């Protein structure tokens, strides 16, 4: 029972569900690299390295946000906030997992992927996390480590920074704005109580925020054509991506029209569906 409880705490510490989503985008980006064939050993190594680095960043996030997490219903049961895990234990885990994850990236892939992983960990843990209580600019800063997994996966396979990696990075970078604003819209009362500033306009849901979400969802449309234009994938995925983009635009427009938490939830859930549809359609078209 004690072992199971401790394992559950560590899964919460690394935000396992979110972690899997992050690693998924990295692995798909790796497999999208031309001339990269599926190799179970390399995919598993990339997955493990990604889980360790992302887990380290999420642990650091929870260490700094211990008191804030305790104020919110959604996060109050996290192990550090609830007092089941000490900060010292979490720091030890964060340091060890981060170091091992970066080393795996360097040893089995390349130094560029390792340095990108380290940069992503640093920005998320030590820049984005404290900035969340200062300004809504934190969403922009957080979008960089949020999109780095695509670039890391690509660089791990391509041994360098090429157009495909930057395109995948850009798609995931822009996607995060309507995604994060929808989450912040739904949970803004909790976030406001904890002192987080994630929405523009004094952290209050406004039509201006909804309008910005529409703008970013529109930006995703031309980005969706780029993989086909550079010859990375074929025409079928282009139409799947376009359909997903149109779906996001429609939901953001509905948010602007309705201005309700229910409309924000539709944007949020649409964004959750959007990313796997886009990445898997790109990979399917390559295969």
C-alpha atoms as a PDB file:
ATOM      1  CA  UNK A   1       0.000   0.000   0.000  1.00  0.00           C
ATOM      2  CA  UNK A   2       2.812   2.383   0.916  1.00  0.00           C
ATOM      3  CA  UNK A   3       4.667   1.676  -2.334  1.00  0.00           C
ATOM      4  CA  UNK A   4       1.502   2.183  -4.380  1.00  0.00           C
ATOM      5  CA  UNK A   5       0.786   5.480  -2.587  1.00  0.00           C
ATOM      6  CA  UNK A   6       4.333   6.714  -3.191  1.00  0.00           C
ATOM      7  CA  UNK A   7       4.141   5.746  -6.878  1.00  0.00           C
ATOM      8  CA  UNK A   8       0.865   7.652  -7.169  1.00  0.00           C
ATOM      9  CA  UNK A   9       2.529  10.697  -5.611  1.00  0.00           C
ATOM     10  CA  UNK A  10       5.369  10.591  -8.137  1.00  0.00           C
ATOM     11  CA  UNK A  11       2.928  10.244 -11.018  1.00  0.00           C
ATOM     12  CA  UNK A  12       1.198  13.378  -9.725  1.00  0.00           C
ATOM     13  CA  UNK A  13       4.548  15.105  -9.241  1.00  0.00           C
ATOM     14  CA  UNK A  14       5.512  14.640 -12.881  1.00  0.00           C
ATOM     15  CA  UNK A  15       1.929  15.389 -14.062  1.00  0.00           C
ATOM     16  CA  UNK A  16       1.945  12.067 -15.867  1.00  0.00           C
ATOM     17  CA  UNK A  17      -1.000  12.699 -18.209  1.00  0.00           C
ATOM     18  CA  UNK A  18       0.420  16.037 -19.352  1.00  0.00           C
ATOM     19  CA  UNK A  19       3.873  14.470 -19.538  1.00  0.00           C
ATOM     20  CA  UNK A  20       2.655  11.758 -21.923  1.00  0.00           C
ATOM     21  CA  UNK A  21       1.097  14.403 -24.182  1.00  0.00           C
ATOM     22  CA  UNK A  22       4.379  16.317 -24.314  1.00  0.00           C
ATOM     23  CA  UNK A  23       6.435  13.219 -25.069  1.00  0.00           C
ATOM     24  CA  UNK A  24       3.903  12.124 -27.704  1.00  0.00           C
ATOM     25  CA  UNK A  25       4.536  15.297 -29.740  1.00  0.00           C
ATOM     26  CA  UNK A  26       8.287  14.765 -29.463  1.00  0.00           C
ATOM     27  CA  UNK A  27       8.133  11.132 -30.622  1.00  0.00           C
ATOM     28  CA  UNK A  28       5.824  11.913 -33.562  1.00  0.00           C
ATOM     29  CA  UNK A  29       8.123  14.765 -34.628  1.00  0.00           C
ATOM     30  CA  UNK A  30      11.092  12.385 -34.453  1.00  0.00           C
ATOM     31  CA  UNK A  31       9.285   9.851 -36.656  1.00  0.00           C
ATOM     32  CA  UNK A  32       8.369  12.588 -39.155  1.00  0.00           C
ATOM     33  CA  UNK A  33      12.034  13.180 -39.982  1.00  0.00           C
ATOM     34  CA  UNK A  34      12.746  11.949 -43.548  1.00  0.00           C
ATOM     35  CA  UNK A  35      14.704   8.682 -43.671  1.00  0.00           C
ATOM     36  CA  UNK A  36      13.850   7.862 -40.052  1.00  0.00           C
ATOM     37  CA  UNK A  37      12.240   4.444 -39.779  1.00  0.00           C
ATOM     38  CA  UNK A  38      10.455   3.148 -36.699  1.00  0.00           C
ATOM     39  CA  UNK A  39      13.001   1.697 -34.284  1.00  0.00           C
ATOM     40  CA  UNK A  40      11.448   0.558 -31.012  1.00  0.00           C
ATOM     41  CA  UNK A  41      14.677   0.956 -29.038  1.00  0.00           C
ATOM     42  CA  UNK A  42      15.197   4.579 -30.134  1.00  0.00           C
ATOM     43  CA  UNK A  43      11.524   5.460 -29.649  1.00  0.00           C
ATOM     44  CA  UNK A  44      11.627   4.042 -26.117  1.00  0.00           C
ATOM     45  CA  UNK A  45      14.840   5.924 -25.331  1.00  0.00           C
ATOM     46  CA  UNK A  46      13.366   9.178 -26.610  1.00  0.00           C
ATOM     47  CA  UNK A  47      10.203   8.514 -24.593  1.00  0.00           C
ATOM     48  CA  UNK A  48      12.112   7.805 -21.386  1.00  0.00           C
ATOM     49  CA  UNK A  49      14.372  10.835 -21.825  1.00  0.00           C
ATOM     50  CA  UNK A  50      11.371  13.040 -22.508  1.00  0.00           C
ATOM     51  CA  UNK A  51       9.460  11.710 -19.505  1.00  0.00           C
ATOM     52  CA  UNK A  52      12.449  12.375 -17.244  1.00  0.00           C
ATOM     53  CA  UNK A  53      13.125  15.925 -18.465  1.00  0.00           C
ATOM     54  CA  UNK A  54       9.465  16.916 -18.477  1.00  0.00           C
ATOM     55  CA  UNK A  55       8.953  15.244 -15.112  1.00  0.00           C
ATOM     56  CA  UNK A  56      11.824  17.282 -13.699  1.00  0.00           C
ATOM     57  CA  UNK A  57      10.314  20.525 -14.991  1.00  0.00           C
ATOM     58  CA  UNK A  58       6.898  19.643 -13.579  1.00  0.00           C
ATOM     59  CA  UNK A  59       8.417  18.778 -10.200  1.00  0.00           C
ATOM     60  CA  UNK A  60      10.170  22.151 -10.054  1.00  0.00           C
ATOM     61  CA  UNK A  61       6.878  23.800 -10.983  1.00  0.00           C
ATOM     62  CA  UNK A  62       5.140  22.116  -8.024  1.00  0.00           C
ATOM     63  CA  UNK A  63       7.942  22.971  -5.624  1.00  0.00           C
ATOM     64  CA  UNK A  64       7.601  26.680  -6.397  1.00  0.00           C
ATOM     65  CA  UNK A  65       3.803  26.558  -6.466  1.00  0.00           C
ATOM     66  CA  UNK A  66       3.329  24.551  -3.255  1.00  0.00           C
ATOM     67  CA  UNK A  67       1.347  27.254  -1.461  1.00  0.00           C
ATOM     68  CA  UNK A  68      -0.624  28.287  -4.560  1.00  0.00           C
ATOM     69  CA  UNK A  69      -1.553  24.676  -5.336  1.00  0.00           C
ATOM     70  CA  UNK A  70      -2.873  24.262  -1.797  1.00  0.00           C
ATOM     71  CA  UNK A  71      -5.397  27.059  -2.424  1.00  0.00           C
ATOM     72  CA  UNK A  72      -6.999  25.454  -5.473  1.00  0.00           C
ATOM     73  CA  UNK A  73      -9.361  22.496  -5.520  1.00  0.00           C
ATOM     74  CA  UNK A  74      -7.843  21.140  -8.743  1.00  0.00           C
ATOM     75  CA  UNK A  75      -4.290  21.046  -7.373  1.00  0.00           C
ATOM     76  CA  UNK A  76      -4.717  20.870  -3.595  1.00  0.00           C
ATOM     77  CA  UNK A  77      -4.104  17.115  -3.483  1.00  0.00           C
ATOM     78  CA  UNK A  78      -0.738  17.250  -5.228  1.00  0.00           C
ATOM     79  CA  UNK A  79       1.922  15.589  -3.041  1.00  0.00           C
ATOM     80  CA  UNK A  80       3.945  18.678  -2.076  1.00  0.00           C
ATOM     81  CA  UNK A  81       0.908  20.925  -1.611  1.00  0.00           C
ATOM     82  CA  UNK A  82      -0.806  18.276   0.533  1.00  0.00           C
ATOM     83  CA  UNK A  83       2.329  17.701   2.630  1.00  0.00           C
ATOM     84  CA  UNK A  84       2.889  14.090   1.577  1.00  0.00           C
ATOM     85  CA  UNK A  85       6.259  14.912  -0.021  1.00  0.00           C
ATOM     86  CA  UNK A  86       8.941  17.309   1.183  1.00  0.00           C
ATOM     87  CA  UNK A  87      10.523  19.939  -1.015  1.00  0.00           C
ATOM     88  CA  UNK A  88      13.902  18.286  -0.438  1.00  0.00           C
ATOM     89  CA  UNK A  89      12.650  14.964  -1.820  1.00  0.00           C
ATOM     90  CA  UNK A  90      11.109  16.728  -4.815  1.00  0.00           C
ATOM     91  CA  UNK A  91      14.316  18.692  -5.481  1.00  0.00           C
ATOM     92  CA  UNK A  92      16.353  15.477  -5.382  1.00  0.00           C
ATOM     93  CA  UNK A  93      13.989  13.833  -7.853  1.00  0.00           C
ATOM     94  CA  UNK A  94      13.943  16.899 -10.128  1.00  0.00           C
ATOM     95  CA  UNK A  95      17.737  17.121 -10.212  1.00  0.00           C
ATOM     96  CA  UNK A  96      18.291  13.411 -10.804  1.00  0.00           C
ATOM     97  CA  UNK A  97      15.576  12.936 -13.434  1.00  0.00           C
ATOM     98  CA  UNK A  98      16.554  16.119 -15.280  1.00  0.00           C
ATOM     99  CA  UNK A  99      20.220  15.148 -15.370  1.00  0.00           C
ATOM    100  CA  UNK A 100      19.537  11.577 -16.518  1.00  0.00           C
ATOM    101  CA  UNK A 101      17.042  12.735 -19.155  1.00  0.00           C
ATOM    102  CA  UNK A 102      19.426  15.304 -20.644  1.00  0.00           C
ATOM    103  CA  UNK A 103      22.272  12.752 -20.602  1.00  0.00           C
ATOM    104  CA  UNK A 104      20.123  10.207 -22.460  1.00  0.00           C
ATOM    105  CA  UNK A 105      19.351  12.843 -25.106  1.00  0.00           C
ATOM    106  CA  UNK A 106      23.052  13.581 -25.538  1.00  0.00           C
ATOM    107  CA  UNK A 107      24.357   9.997 -25.425  1.00  0.00           C
ATOM    108  CA  UNK A 108      21.805   8.291 -27.682  1.00  0.00           C
ATOM    109  CA  UNK A 109      20.834  11.210 -29.932  1.00  0.00           C
ATOM    110  CA  UNK A 110      22.894  14.421 -30.122  1.00  0.00           C
ATOM    111  CA  UNK A 111      24.132  17.423 -28.159  1.00  0.00           C
ATOM    112  CA  UNK A 112      21.638  19.766 -29.840  1.00  0.00           C
ATOM    113  CA  UNK A 113      18.659  17.759 -28.577  1.00  0.00           C
ATOM    114  CA  UNK A 114      20.224  17.585 -25.114  1.00  0.00           C
ATOM    115  CA  UNK A 115      20.817  21.338 -24.918  1.00  0.00           C
ATOM    116  CA  UNK A 116      17.286  22.055 -26.158  1.00  0.00           C
ATOM    117  CA  UNK A 117      15.934  19.739 -23.457  1.00  0.00           C
ATOM    118  CA  UNK A 118      17.968  21.542 -20.811  1.00  0.00           C
ATOM    119  CA  UNK A 119      16.826  24.937 -22.107  1.00  0.00           C
ATOM    120  CA  UNK A 120      13.194  23.809 -22.085  1.00  0.00           C
ATOM    121  CA  UNK A 121      13.507  22.548 -18.507  1.00  0.00           C
ATOM    122  CA  UNK A 122      15.133  25.789 -17.375  1.00  0.00           C
ATOM    123  CA  UNK A 123      12.573  28.106 -19.007  1.00  0.00           C
ATOM    124  CA  UNK A 124       9.589  26.113 -17.724  1.00  0.00           C
ATOM    125  CA  UNK A 125      10.882  25.605 -14.197  1.00  0.00           C
ATOM    126  CA  UNK A 126      12.719  28.848 -13.483  1.00  0.00           C
ATOM    127  CA  UNK A 127      11.242  31.485 -15.806  1.00  0.00           C
ATOM    128  CA  UNK A 128       7.668  30.578 -16.757  1.00  0.00           C
ATOM    129  CA  UNK A 129       6.682  29.246 -13.326  1.00  0.00           C
ATOM    130  CA  UNK A 130       7.506  32.377 -11.261  1.00  0.00           C
ATOM    131  CA  UNK A 131       6.334  34.666 -14.089  1.00  0.00           C
ATOM    132  CA  UNK A 132       2.786  33.263 -13.851  1.00  0.00           C
ATOM    133  CA  UNK A 133       2.213  35.480 -10.807  1.00  0.00           C
ATOM    134  CA  UNK A 134       3.666  38.573 -12.440  1.00  0.00           C
ATOM    135  CA  UNK A 135       2.080  39.002 -15.852  1.00  0.00           C
ATOM    136  CA  UNK A 136       0.048  37.316 -18.577  1.00  0.00           C
ATOM    137  CA  UNK A 137       3.230  37.487 -20.667  1.00  0.00           C
ATOM    138  CA  UNK A 138       3.960  34.182 -18.915  1.00  0.00           C
ATOM    139  CA  UNK A 139       1.724  32.452 -21.478  1.00  0.00           C
ATOM    140  CA  UNK A 140       4.042  33.654 -24.260  1.00  0.00           C
ATOM    141  CA  UNK A 141       7.133  32.569 -22.329  1.00  0.00           C
ATOM    142  CA  UNK A 142       5.593  29.204 -21.455  1.00  0.00           C
ATOM    143  CA  UNK A 143       4.702  28.582 -25.085  1.00  0.00           C
ATOM    144  CA  UNK A 144       8.418  28.104 -25.878  1.00  0.00           C
ATOM    145  CA  UNK A 145       9.052  25.080 -23.614  1.00  0.00           C
ATOM    146  CA  UNK A 146       5.549  23.940 -24.558  1.00  0.00           C
ATOM    147  CA  UNK A 147       6.559  23.768 -28.221  1.00  0.00           C
ATOM    148  CA  UNK A 148      10.188  22.680 -27.783  1.00  0.00           C
ATOM    149  CA  UNK A 149       9.263  18.944 -27.634  1.00  0.00           C
ATOM    150  CA  UNK A 150       8.448  19.019 -31.363  1.00  0.00           C
ATOM    151  CA  UNK A 151      11.778  20.652 -32.134  1.00  0.00           C
ATOM    152  CA  UNK A 152      13.638  18.335 -29.756  1.00  0.00           C
ATOM    153  CA  UNK A 153      12.161  15.246 -31.399  1.00  0.00           C
ATOM    154  CA  UNK A 154      12.964  16.539 -34.870  1.00  0.00           C
ATOM    155  CA  UNK A 155      16.538  17.534 -33.977  1.00  0.00           C
ATOM    156  CA  UNK A 156      17.072  14.159 -32.281  1.00  0.00           C
ATOM    157  CA  UNK A 157      16.268  12.455 -35.583  1.00  0.00           C
ATOM    158  CA  UNK A 158      17.675  14.963 -38.071  1.00  0.00           C
ATOM    159  CA  UNK A 159      20.895  15.773 -36.177  1.00  0.00           C
ATOM    160  CA  UNK A 160      20.302  19.463 -36.779  1.00  0.00           C
ATOM    161  CA  UNK A 161      17.868  22.363 -37.077  1.00  0.00           C
ATOM    162  CA  UNK A 162      16.030  22.166 -40.392  1.00  0.00           C
ATOM    163  CA  UNK A 163      12.768  23.563 -41.763  1.00  0.00           C
ATOM    164  CA  UNK A 164      10.548  20.639 -40.739  1.00  0.00           C
ATOM    165  CA  UNK A 165      11.441  21.022 -37.078  1.00  0.00           C
ATOM    166  CA  UNK A 166      10.745  24.743 -37.057  1.00  0.00           C
ATOM    167  CA  UNK A 167       7.378  24.219 -38.767  1.00  0.00           C
ATOM    168  CA  UNK A 168       6.288  21.627 -36.193  1.00  0.00           C
ATOM    169  CA  UNK A 169       7.529  23.913 -33.431  1.00  0.00           C
ATOM    170  CA  UNK A 170       5.517  26.812 -34.870  1.00  0.00           C
ATOM    171  CA  UNK A 171       2.304  24.784 -35.116  1.00  0.00           C
ATOM    172  CA  UNK A 172       2.508  23.704 -31.483  1.00  0.00           C
ATOM    173  CA  UNK A 173       3.651  27.178 -30.371  1.00  0.00           C
ATOM    174  CA  UNK A 174       0.635  28.985 -31.849  1.00  0.00           C
ATOM    175  CA  UNK A 175      -1.783  26.237 -30.765  1.00  0.00           C
ATOM    176  CA  UNK A 176      -0.976  26.930 -27.124  1.00  0.00           C
ATOM    177  CA  UNK A 177      -2.545  30.396 -26.990  1.00  0.00           C
ATOM    178  CA  UNK A 178      -6.212  29.453 -27.504  1.00  0.00           C
ATOM    179  CA  UNK A 179      -5.501  26.269 -25.526  1.00  0.00           C
ATOM    180  CA  UNK A 180      -4.090  28.018 -22.434  1.00  0.00           C
ATOM    181  CA  UNK A 181      -6.521  30.928 -22.534  1.00  0.00           C
ATOM    182  CA  UNK A 182      -9.454  28.505 -22.637  1.00  0.00           C
ATOM    183  CA  UNK A 183      -8.095  26.677 -19.572  1.00  0.00           C
ATOM    184  CA  UNK A 184      -7.468  29.968 -17.771  1.00  0.00           C
ATOM    185  CA  UNK A 185     -10.959  31.158 -18.721  1.00  0.00           C
ATOM    186  CA  UNK A 186     -12.612  28.073 -17.192  1.00  0.00           C
ATOM    187  CA  UNK A 187     -10.468  28.159 -14.038  1.00  0.00           C
ATOM    188  CA  UNK A 188      -9.934  31.918 -13.719  1.00  0.00           C
ATOM    189  CA  UNK A 189     -11.527  32.155 -10.256  1.00  0.00           C
ATOM    190  CA  UNK A 190      -9.137  29.549  -8.846  1.00  0.00           C
ATOM    191  CA  UNK A 191      -6.200  31.095 -10.687  1.00  0.00           C
ATOM    192  CA  UNK A 192      -7.135  34.548  -9.427  1.00  0.00           C
ATOM    193  CA  UNK A 193      -7.336  33.232  -5.860  1.00  0.00           C
ATOM    194  CA  UNK A 194      -3.862  31.725  -6.216  1.00  0.00           C
ATOM    195  CA  UNK A 195      -2.480  34.921  -7.748  1.00  0.00           C
ATOM    196  CA  UNK A 196      -1.851  33.584 -11.253  1.00  0.00           C
ATOM    197  CA  UNK A 197      -2.095  36.055 -14.132  1.00  0.00           C
ATOM    198  CA  UNK A 198      -2.706  33.980 -17.251  1.00  0.00           C
ATOM    199  CA  UNK A 199      -5.442  35.914 -19.045  1.00  0.00           C
ATOM    200  CA  UNK A 200      -4.938  39.269 -20.754  1.00  0.00           C
ATOM    201  CA  UNK A 201      -6.969  42.243 -19.474  1.00  0.00           C
ATOM    202  CA  UNK A 202      -6.396  42.036 -15.700  1.00  0.00           C
ATOM    203  CA  UNK A 203      -6.923  38.270 -15.674  1.00  0.00           C
ATOM    204  CA  UNK A 204     -10.632  38.598 -16.468  1.00  0.00           C
ATOM    205  CA  UNK A 205     -12.351  36.771 -19.354  1.00  0.00           C
ATOM    206  CA  UNK A 206     -13.270  39.396 -21.939  1.00  0.00           C
ATOM    207  CA  UNK A 207     -14.272  39.574 -25.591  1.00  0.00           C
ATOM    208  CA  UNK A 208     -10.775  40.873 -26.324  1.00  0.00           C
ATOM    209  CA  UNK A 209      -9.333  37.605 -25.029  1.00  0.00           C
ATOM    210  CA  UNK A 210     -11.792  35.635 -27.186  1.00  0.00           C
ATOM    211  CA  UNK A 211     -10.879  37.797 -30.173  1.00  0.00           C
ATOM    212  CA  UNK A 212      -7.180  37.073 -29.623  1.00  0.00           C
ATOM    213  CA  UNK A 213      -7.985  33.357 -29.459  1.00  0.00           C
ATOM    214  CA  UNK A 214      -9.695  33.685 -32.852  1.00  0.00           C
ATOM    215  CA  UNK A 215      -6.641  35.480 -34.228  1.00  0.00           C
ATOM    216  CA  UNK A 216      -4.239  32.760 -33.141  1.00  0.00           C
ATOM    217  CA  UNK A 217      -6.534  30.012 -34.421  1.00  0.00           C
ATOM    218  CA  UNK A 218      -6.553  31.796 -37.797  1.00  0.00           C
ATOM    219  CA  UNK A 219      -2.740  31.857 -37.772  1.00  0.00           C
ATOM    220  CA  UNK A 220      -2.778  28.079 -37.480  1.00  0.00           C
ATOM    221  CA  UNK A 221      -4.344  27.784 -40.952  1.00  0.00           C
ATOM    222  CA  UNK A 222      -1.330  28.893 -43.066  1.00  0.00           C
ATOM    223  CA  UNK A 223       1.003  26.972 -40.754  1.00  0.00           C
ATOM    224  CA  UNK A 224      -1.003  23.835 -41.480  1.00  0.00           C
ATOM    225  CA  UNK A 225      -0.138  24.055 -45.189  1.00  0.00           C
ATOM    226  CA  UNK A 226       3.627  24.278 -44.631  1.00  0.00           C
ATOM    227  CA  UNK A 227       4.387  20.545 -44.092  1.00  0.00           C
ATOM    228  CA  UNK A 228       2.880  19.847 -47.504  1.00  0.00           C
ATOM    229  CA  UNK A 229       4.583  22.823 -49.161  1.00  0.00           C
ATOM    230  CA  UNK A 230       8.066  21.653 -48.121  1.00  0.00           C
ATOM    231  CA  UNK A 231       7.294  18.075 -49.186  1.00  0.00           C
ATOM    232  CA  UNK A 232       7.307  16.647 -45.661  1.00  0.00           C
ATOM    233  CA  UNK A 233       3.833  15.114 -46.082  1.00  0.00           C
ATOM    234  CA  UNK A 234       1.230  14.677 -48.793  1.00  0.00           C
ATOM    235  CA  UNK A 235      -2.060  16.349 -49.599  1.00  0.00           C
ATOM    236  CA  UNK A 236      -4.320  14.148 -47.454  1.00  0.00           C
ATOM    237  CA  UNK A 237      -2.889  15.323 -44.148  1.00  0.00           C
ATOM    238  CA  UNK A 238      -3.130  18.906 -45.382  1.00  0.00           C
ATOM    239  CA  UNK A 239      -6.913  18.584 -45.609  1.00  0.00           C
ATOM    240  CA  UNK A 240      -7.145  16.867 -42.223  1.00  0.00           C
ATOM    241  CA  UNK A 241      -5.128  19.682 -40.666  1.00  0.00           C
ATOM    242  CA  UNK A 242      -7.264  22.286 -42.403  1.00  0.00           C
ATOM    243  CA  UNK A 243     -10.432  20.637 -41.066  1.00  0.00           C
ATOM    244  CA  UNK A 244      -8.974  20.627 -37.544  1.00  0.00           C
ATOM    245  CA  UNK A 245      -8.040  24.308 -37.899  1.00  0.00           C
ATOM    246  CA  UNK A 246     -11.533  25.228 -39.071  1.00  0.00           C
ATOM    247  CA  UNK A 247     -12.949  23.386 -36.065  1.00  0.00           C
ATOM    248  CA  UNK A 248     -10.750  25.424 -33.722  1.00  0.00           C
ATOM    249  CA  UNK A 249     -11.755  28.678 -35.406  1.00  0.00           C
ATOM    250  CA  UNK A 250     -15.453  27.835 -35.084  1.00  0.00           C
ATOM    251  CA  UNK A 251     -15.127  27.092 -31.376  1.00  0.00           C
ATOM    252  CA  UNK A 252     -13.191  30.311 -30.752  1.00  0.00           C
ATOM    253  CA  UNK A 253     -15.853  32.291 -32.610  1.00  0.00           C
ATOM    254  CA  UNK A 254     -18.526  30.623 -30.463  1.00  0.00           C
ATOM    255  CA  UNK A 255     -16.556  31.692 -27.397  1.00  0.00           C
ATOM    256  CA  UNK A 256     -16.534  35.295 -28.642  1.00  0.00           C
ATOM    257  CA  UNK A 257     -20.283  35.119 -29.257  1.00  0.00           C
ATOM    258  CA  UNK A 258     -21.382  33.298 -26.070  1.00  0.00           C
ATOM    259  CA  UNK A 259     -18.779  34.446 -23.511  1.00  0.00           C
ATOM    260  CA  UNK A 260     -19.553  31.509 -21.215  1.00  0.00           C
ATOM    261  CA  UNK A 261     -17.464  28.904 -19.355  1.00  0.00           C
ATOM    262  CA  UNK A 262     -19.229  26.232 -21.433  1.00  0.00           C
ATOM    263  CA  UNK A 263     -17.959  27.853 -24.642  1.00  0.00           C
ATOM    264  CA  UNK A 264     -14.460  28.072 -23.141  1.00  0.00           C
ATOM    265  CA  UNK A 265     -14.630  24.359 -22.306  1.00  0.00           C
ATOM    266  CA  UNK A 266     -15.483  23.610 -25.934  1.00  0.00           C
ATOM    267  CA  UNK A 267     -12.356  25.503 -27.026  1.00  0.00           C
ATOM    268  CA  UNK A 268     -10.327  23.661 -24.387  1.00  0.00           C
ATOM    269  CA  UNK A 269     -11.524  20.181 -25.403  1.00  0.00           C
ATOM    270  CA  UNK A 270     -11.196  21.052 -29.104  1.00  0.00           C
ATOM    271  CA  UNK A 271      -7.573  22.003 -28.486  1.00  0.00           C
ATOM    272  CA  UNK A 272      -6.949  18.677 -26.718  1.00  0.00           C
ATOM    273  CA  UNK A 273      -8.279  16.830 -29.762  1.00  0.00           C
ATOM    274  CA  UNK A 274      -6.582  19.115 -32.284  1.00  0.00           C
ATOM    275  CA  UNK A 275      -2.965  18.245 -31.535  1.00  0.00           C
ATOM    276  CA  UNK A 276      -3.128  14.427 -31.817  1.00  0.00           C
ATOM    277  CA  UNK A 277      -5.290  14.715 -34.956  1.00  0.00           C
ATOM    278  CA  UNK A 278      -2.766  17.012 -36.622  1.00  0.00           C
ATOM    279  CA  UNK A 279       0.356  15.082 -35.606  1.00  0.00           C
ATOM    280  CA  UNK A 280      -1.073  11.652 -36.365  1.00  0.00           C
ATOM    281  CA  UNK A 281      -2.435  12.793 -39.740  1.00  0.00           C
ATOM    282  CA  UNK A 282       1.018  14.139 -40.654  1.00  0.00           C
ATOM    283  CA  UNK A 283       2.643  10.869 -39.643  1.00  0.00           C
ATOM    284  CA  UNK A 284       0.029   8.733 -41.434  1.00  0.00           C
ATOM    285  CA  UNK A 285       0.549  10.714 -44.613  1.00  0.00           C
ATOM    286  CA  UNK A 286       4.305  10.199 -44.405  1.00  0.00           C
ATOM    287  CA  UNK A 287       3.835   6.445 -44.003  1.00  0.00           C
END
